[in-house]
Amino acid sequence: MARTIQSLERAAAMLRLLAGGERRLGLSDISSSLGLAKGTAHGILRTLQQEGFVEQDAVSGRYQLGAELLRLGNSYLDVHELRARALVWTDDLARSSGEAVYLGVLHQQGVLIVHHVFRPDDSRQVLEVGAMHPLHCTALGKVLSAYDPVAHSEATEAERPALTLRTVTDLDDFEKLLDLTRARGWAADVEETWDGVASVAAPIHDRRRMPVGAVGVTGAVERVCREGELRPEIVAAVRDCARAVSRDLGAGRF
């Protein structure tokens, strides 16, 4: 029989313990439940905390499961399933908006494009499936940062370079944009990532109401905007598309 790694076994047992019963447990509870010395238990908890798998309440000192573990759980929803559920709706969105449609998910420190529907005209276009877009300035990235705690950490803790003169780089201003995104249910990017290009995106949720991706429309500013504002019919179409995909994933009504 192959040898197992004791520290990994203990970490797995610790995560299972935190996943069941009380929401938060103290160090003494964890060490006694698993038959570990407090020093050993604390060392494992500290490592799990550094990796984002465990969080410690600042007031009580008790531990609970962290956001990164939630991210791993969400990855159980295969990206191919998300794409398959979105195919019809994103095609409809491209036709109704007349613009390119992108479906993105969080990957490392950016947005991974997993599906791209070309703008429905005869112009030459490049398929961007597999491309990485930044979190802090794209509409897709802002949506993920607003709704996904892991994406939020990635966007706020990393550098936010100015890609254009309109890019928001200040942390307080960026947090205000995320508050606005959550309040209205969609995000905008008007020449923050590329000059002359505007985007709007909305979140996609799964059956647990957890964010699993974002869908958005991107096009020339003069087509996507009217008198300096995003065209409301495009915003409505993007939100309808996101809701439809979410319903297909079992999220119910939003």
Protein backbone atom coordinates (compact mmCIF):
# COMPACT_ATOMS: atom_id res chain seq x y z
CA MET A 1 0.00 0.00 0.00
CA ALA A 2 1.38 3.42 -0.91
CA ARG A 3 2.44 5.63 1.98
CA THR A 4 0.33 8.68 2.70
CA ILE A 5 1.54 12.13 3.73
CA GLN A 6 0.49 12.69 7.33
CA SER A 7 0.36 16.48 7.15
CA LEU A 8 -1.99 16.36 4.15
CA GLU A 9 -4.21 13.81 5.90
CA ARG A 10 -4.43 16.09 8.92
CA ALA A 11 -5.19 19.14 6.79
CA ALA A 12 -7.95 17.23 4.97
CA ALA A 13 -9.42 16.09 8.29
CA MET A 14 -9.33 19.68 9.52
CA LEU A 15 -11.21 20.95 6.46
CA ARG A 16 -13.84 18.22 6.85
CA LEU A 17 -14.25 19.17 10.50
CA LEU A 18 -14.75 22.84 9.63
CA ALA A 19 -17.21 21.89 6.87
CA GLY A 20 -19.54 20.11 9.31
CA GLY A 21 -21.18 21.03 12.57
CA GLU A 22 -20.62 24.53 13.92
CA ARG A 23 -19.75 27.26 11.48
CA ARG A 24 -16.66 28.38 13.43
CA LEU A 25 -14.34 26.41 15.71
CA GLY A 26 -11.58 27.49 18.09
CA LEU A 27 -8.07 26.07 18.15
CA SER A 28 -8.81 23.96 21.25
CA ASP A 29 -11.92 22.48 19.65
CA ILE A 30 -10.03 21.56 16.49
CA SER A 31 -6.98 20.09 18.22
CA SER A 32 -9.04 17.99 20.66
CA SER A 33 -11.45 16.76 17.98
CA LEU A 34 -8.57 15.56 15.79
CA GLY A 35 -6.31 14.40 18.61
CA LEU A 36 -3.56 16.84 17.71
CA ALA A 37 -1.27 18.95 19.83
CA LYS A 38 -2.26 22.61 19.76
CA GLY A 39 1.05 23.59 18.21
CA THR A 40 0.60 21.08 15.39
CA ALA A 41 -3.01 22.12 14.78
CA HIS A 42 -2.06 25.79 14.78
CA GLY A 43 0.71 25.22 12.24
CA ILE A 44 -1.65 23.47 9.84
CA LEU A 45 -4.32 26.13 10.31
CA ARG A 46 -1.80 28.88 9.65
CA THR A 47 -0.74 27.22 6.38
CA LEU A 48 -4.35 26.70 5.30
CA GLN A 49 -5.06 30.33 6.16
CA GLN A 50 -2.14 31.56 4.06
CA GLU A 51 -3.50 29.60 1.10
CA GLY A 52 -7.02 31.00 1.57
CA PHE A 53 -8.59 27.65 2.53
CA VAL A 54 -9.30 28.78 6.10
CA GLU A 55 -10.21 32.17 7.58
CA GLN A 56 -9.86 33.34 11.18
CA ASP A 57 -12.40 35.68 12.75
CA ALA A 58 -10.56 38.75 14.01
CA VAL A 59 -12.77 39.12 17.10
CA SER A 60 -13.32 35.59 18.36
CA GLY A 61 -10.17 33.98 16.94
CA ARG A 62 -12.26 31.06 15.66
CA TYR A 63 -11.68 29.43 12.29
CA GLN A 64 -13.98 28.75 9.33
CA LEU A 65 -13.65 27.63 5.71
CA GLY A 66 -12.15 30.26 3.41
CA ALA A 67 -13.06 31.73 0.05
CA GLU A 68 -10.41 29.83 -1.91
CA LEU A 69 -12.02 26.54 -0.93
CA LEU A 70 -15.28 27.93 -2.26
CA ARG A 71 -13.49 28.72 -5.51
CA LEU A 72 -12.28 25.12 -5.79
CA GLY A 73 -15.79 23.90 -5.12
CA ASN A 74 -17.18 26.13 -7.83
CA SER A 75 -14.64 24.73 -10.27
CA TYR A 76 -16.54 21.44 -9.99
CA LEU A 77 -18.93 23.09 -12.39
CA ASP A 78 -17.04 22.26 -15.56
CA VAL A 79 -16.25 25.24 -17.76
CA HIS A 80 -17.50 23.22 -20.72
CA GLU A 81 -20.91 22.92 -19.06
CA LEU A 82 -21.02 26.67 -18.50
CA ARG A 83 -20.13 27.23 -22.14
CA ALA A 84 -22.68 24.66 -23.33
CA ARG A 85 -25.45 26.29 -21.29
CA ALA A 86 -24.54 29.70 -22.67
CA LEU A 87 -24.23 28.84 -26.40
CA VAL A 88 -27.77 29.63 -27.51
CA TRP A 89 -28.14 32.68 -25.28
CA THR A 90 -24.83 34.26 -26.32
CA ASP A 91 -25.66 33.71 -30.00
CA ASP A 92 -28.97 35.49 -29.43
CA LEU A 93 -27.20 38.31 -27.59
CA ALA A 94 -24.77 38.83 -30.47
CA ARG A 95 -27.65 38.99 -32.95
CA SER A 96 -29.75 41.38 -30.86
CA SER A 97 -26.87 43.71 -29.95
CA GLY A 98 -24.97 43.50 -33.22
CA GLU A 99 -21.74 43.22 -31.20
CA ALA A 100 -19.21 40.61 -30.08
CA VAL A 101 -20.08 38.60 -26.99
CA TYR A 102 -17.60 37.19 -24.46
CA LEU A 103 -18.05 34.62 -21.70
CA GLY A 104 -15.36 34.80 -19.01
CA VAL A 105 -14.37 33.03 -15.79
CA LEU A 106 -11.83 33.81 -13.08
CA HIS A 107 -8.46 32.20 -13.74
CA GLN A 108 -5.41 33.04 -11.63
CA GLN A 109 -5.23 36.85 -11.60
CA GLY A 110 -7.40 37.56 -14.63
CA VAL A 111 -10.44 36.76 -16.73
CA LEU A 112 -10.13 33.71 -18.96
CA ILE A 113 -12.29 33.98 -22.11
CA VAL A 114 -13.99 30.59 -22.53
CA HIS A 115 -16.43 31.52 -25.30
CA HIS A 116 -16.47 34.25 -27.94
CA VAL A 117 -19.26 34.98 -30.42
CA PHE A 118 -18.17 37.16 -33.31
CA ARG A 119 -19.92 40.40 -34.16
CA PRO A 120 -22.58 39.40 -36.74
CA ASP A 121 -21.19 41.27 -39.73
CA ASP A 122 -18.63 40.56 -42.44
CA SER A 123 -15.72 42.26 -40.69
CA ARG A 124 -12.49 40.40 -40.03
CA GLN A 125 -12.27 39.26 -36.40
CA VAL A 126 -9.88 37.20 -34.27
CA LEU A 127 -11.15 34.43 -31.98
CA GLU A 128 -10.17 35.25 -28.40
CA VAL A 129 -11.05 31.98 -26.64
CA GLY A 130 -8.19 31.28 -24.24
CA ALA A 131 -7.18 34.94 -23.98
CA MET A 132 -6.66 36.53 -20.56
CA HIS A 133 -8.23 39.91 -19.80
CA PRO A 134 -7.47 42.06 -16.72
CA LEU A 135 -9.77 42.07 -13.70
CA HIS A 136 -9.55 45.72 -12.70
CA CYS A 137 -10.67 47.51 -15.86
CA THR A 138 -12.72 45.20 -18.08
CA ALA A 139 -16.48 44.90 -17.59
CA LEU A 140 -16.13 41.12 -17.20
CA GLY A 141 -13.39 41.58 -14.61
CA LYS A 142 -15.32 44.14 -12.60
CA VAL A 143 -18.34 41.83 -12.45
CA LEU A 144 -16.23 38.94 -11.18
CA SER A 145 -14.44 41.22 -8.70
CA ALA A 146 -17.76 42.53 -7.40
CA TYR A 147 -19.42 39.15 -6.86
CA ASP A 148 -16.59 36.66 -6.32
CA PRO A 149 -14.56 37.11 -3.09
CA VAL A 150 -11.50 35.42 -4.59
CA ALA A 151 -11.59 37.67 -7.66
CA HIS A 152 -12.06 40.66 -5.37
CA SER A 153 -8.90 39.75 -3.45
CA GLU A 154 -6.94 39.26 -6.66
CA ALA A 155 -8.05 42.62 -8.06
CA THR A 156 -7.56 44.66 -4.89
CA GLU A 157 -4.27 43.15 -3.75
CA ALA A 158 -2.53 43.22 -7.13
CA GLU A 159 -1.30 46.20 -9.09
CA ARG A 160 -3.90 47.94 -11.24
CA PRO A 161 -1.94 49.44 -14.13
CA ALA A 162 -3.39 52.29 -16.19
CA LEU A 163 -4.04 50.86 -19.66
CA THR A 164 -5.65 54.07 -20.90
CA LEU A 165 -6.20 57.56 -19.50
CA ARG A 166 -9.61 56.39 -18.21
CA THR A 167 -8.42 53.33 -16.26
CA VAL A 168 -9.35 53.47 -12.57
CA THR A 169 -6.29 52.52 -10.51
CA ASP A 170 -6.98 54.03 -7.06
CA LEU A 171 -8.22 51.37 -4.61
CA ASP A 172 -10.97 53.51 -3.05
CA ASP A 173 -12.29 54.52 -6.47
CA PHE A 174 -12.14 50.91 -7.62
CA GLU A 175 -14.11 49.73 -4.57
CA LYS A 176 -16.75 52.37 -5.35
CA LEU A 177 -17.04 50.94 -8.87
CA LEU A 178 -17.58 47.48 -7.41
CA ASP A 179 -20.24 48.85 -5.04
CA LEU A 180 -21.96 50.42 -8.04
CA THR A 181 -21.71 47.13 -9.95
CA ARG A 182 -23.38 45.21 -7.12
CA ALA A 183 -26.06 47.88 -6.73
CA ARG A 184 -27.15 47.86 -10.37
CA GLY A 185 -26.23 44.28 -11.32
CA TRP A 186 -23.85 45.03 -14.19
CA ALA A 187 -20.49 46.62 -14.93
CA ALA A 188 -19.23 48.99 -17.60
CA ASP A 189 -15.90 49.62 -19.31
CA VAL A 190 -15.85 52.71 -21.49
CA GLU A 191 -12.35 53.09 -22.89
CA GLU A 192 -10.75 51.88 -19.64
CA THR A 193 -9.01 48.92 -21.28
CA TRP A 194 -8.79 49.89 -24.96
CA ASP A 195 -9.23 53.34 -26.52
CA GLY A 196 -12.37 53.53 -28.60
CA VAL A 197 -13.88 50.34 -27.13
CA ALA A 198 -16.78 49.99 -24.67
CA SER A 199 -18.17 46.95 -22.86
CA VAL A 200 -20.97 45.96 -20.52
CA ALA A 201 -21.15 42.71 -18.55
CA ALA A 202 -23.35 40.93 -16.00
CA PRO A 203 -22.78 38.00 -13.60
CA ILE A 204 -23.77 34.36 -14.11
CA HIS A 205 -24.73 32.34 -11.03
CA ASP A 206 -25.14 28.61 -10.40
CA ARG A 207 -27.83 26.75 -8.46
CA ARG A 208 -26.23 27.82 -5.16
CA ARG A 209 -26.44 31.45 -6.23
CA MET A 210 -22.65 31.56 -6.44
CA PRO A 211 -20.91 33.51 -9.23
CA VAL A 212 -19.38 31.16 -11.81
CA GLY A 213 -18.68 33.58 -14.65
CA ALA A 214 -19.71 36.70 -16.50
CA VAL A 215 -21.08 37.48 -19.94
CA GLY A 216 -20.58 40.74 -21.78
CA VAL A 217 -20.85 42.68 -25.02
CA THR A 218 -17.91 44.59 -26.48
CA GLY A 219 -17.82 47.01 -29.40
CA ALA A 220 -16.85 50.43 -30.67
CA VAL A 221 -17.82 53.28 -28.36
CA GLU A 222 -19.91 54.97 -31.03
CA ARG A 223 -22.06 51.84 -31.38
CA VAL A 224 -22.28 50.67 -27.77
CA CYS A 225 -22.78 54.16 -26.32
CA ARG A 226 -25.19 56.96 -27.12
CA GLU A 227 -24.46 60.54 -26.02
CA GLY A 228 -21.71 59.32 -23.70
CA GLU A 229 -23.82 56.66 -21.97
CA LEU A 230 -24.13 52.93 -22.58
CA ARG A 231 -27.22 52.19 -24.64
CA PRO A 232 -29.89 50.95 -22.20
CA GLU A 233 -31.15 48.33 -24.64
CA ILE A 234 -27.70 46.72 -24.75
CA VAL A 235 -27.45 46.75 -20.96
CA ALA A 236 -30.89 45.12 -20.72
CA ALA A 237 -29.97 42.48 -23.31
CA VAL A 238 -26.75 41.56 -21.46
CA ARG A 239 -28.59 41.26 -18.16
CA ASP A 240 -31.31 39.12 -19.76
CA CYS A 241 -28.65 36.83 -21.22
CA ALA A 242 -26.91 36.45 -17.84
CA ARG A 243 -30.21 35.66 -16.13
CA ALA A 244 -31.10 33.09 -18.79
CA VAL A 245 -27.79 31.25 -18.44
CA SER A 246 -28.09 31.40 -14.65
CA ARG A 247 -31.56 29.87 -14.82
CA ASP A 248 -30.22 27.08 -17.04
CA LEU A 249 -27.60 26.41 -14.37
CA GLY A 250 -30.34 26.10 -11.76
CA ALA A 251 -30.07 29.52 -10.13
CA GLY A 252 -33.78 30.30 -10.43
CA ARG A 253 -35.00 33.87 -10.79
CA PHE A 254 -32.78 36.90 -10.10
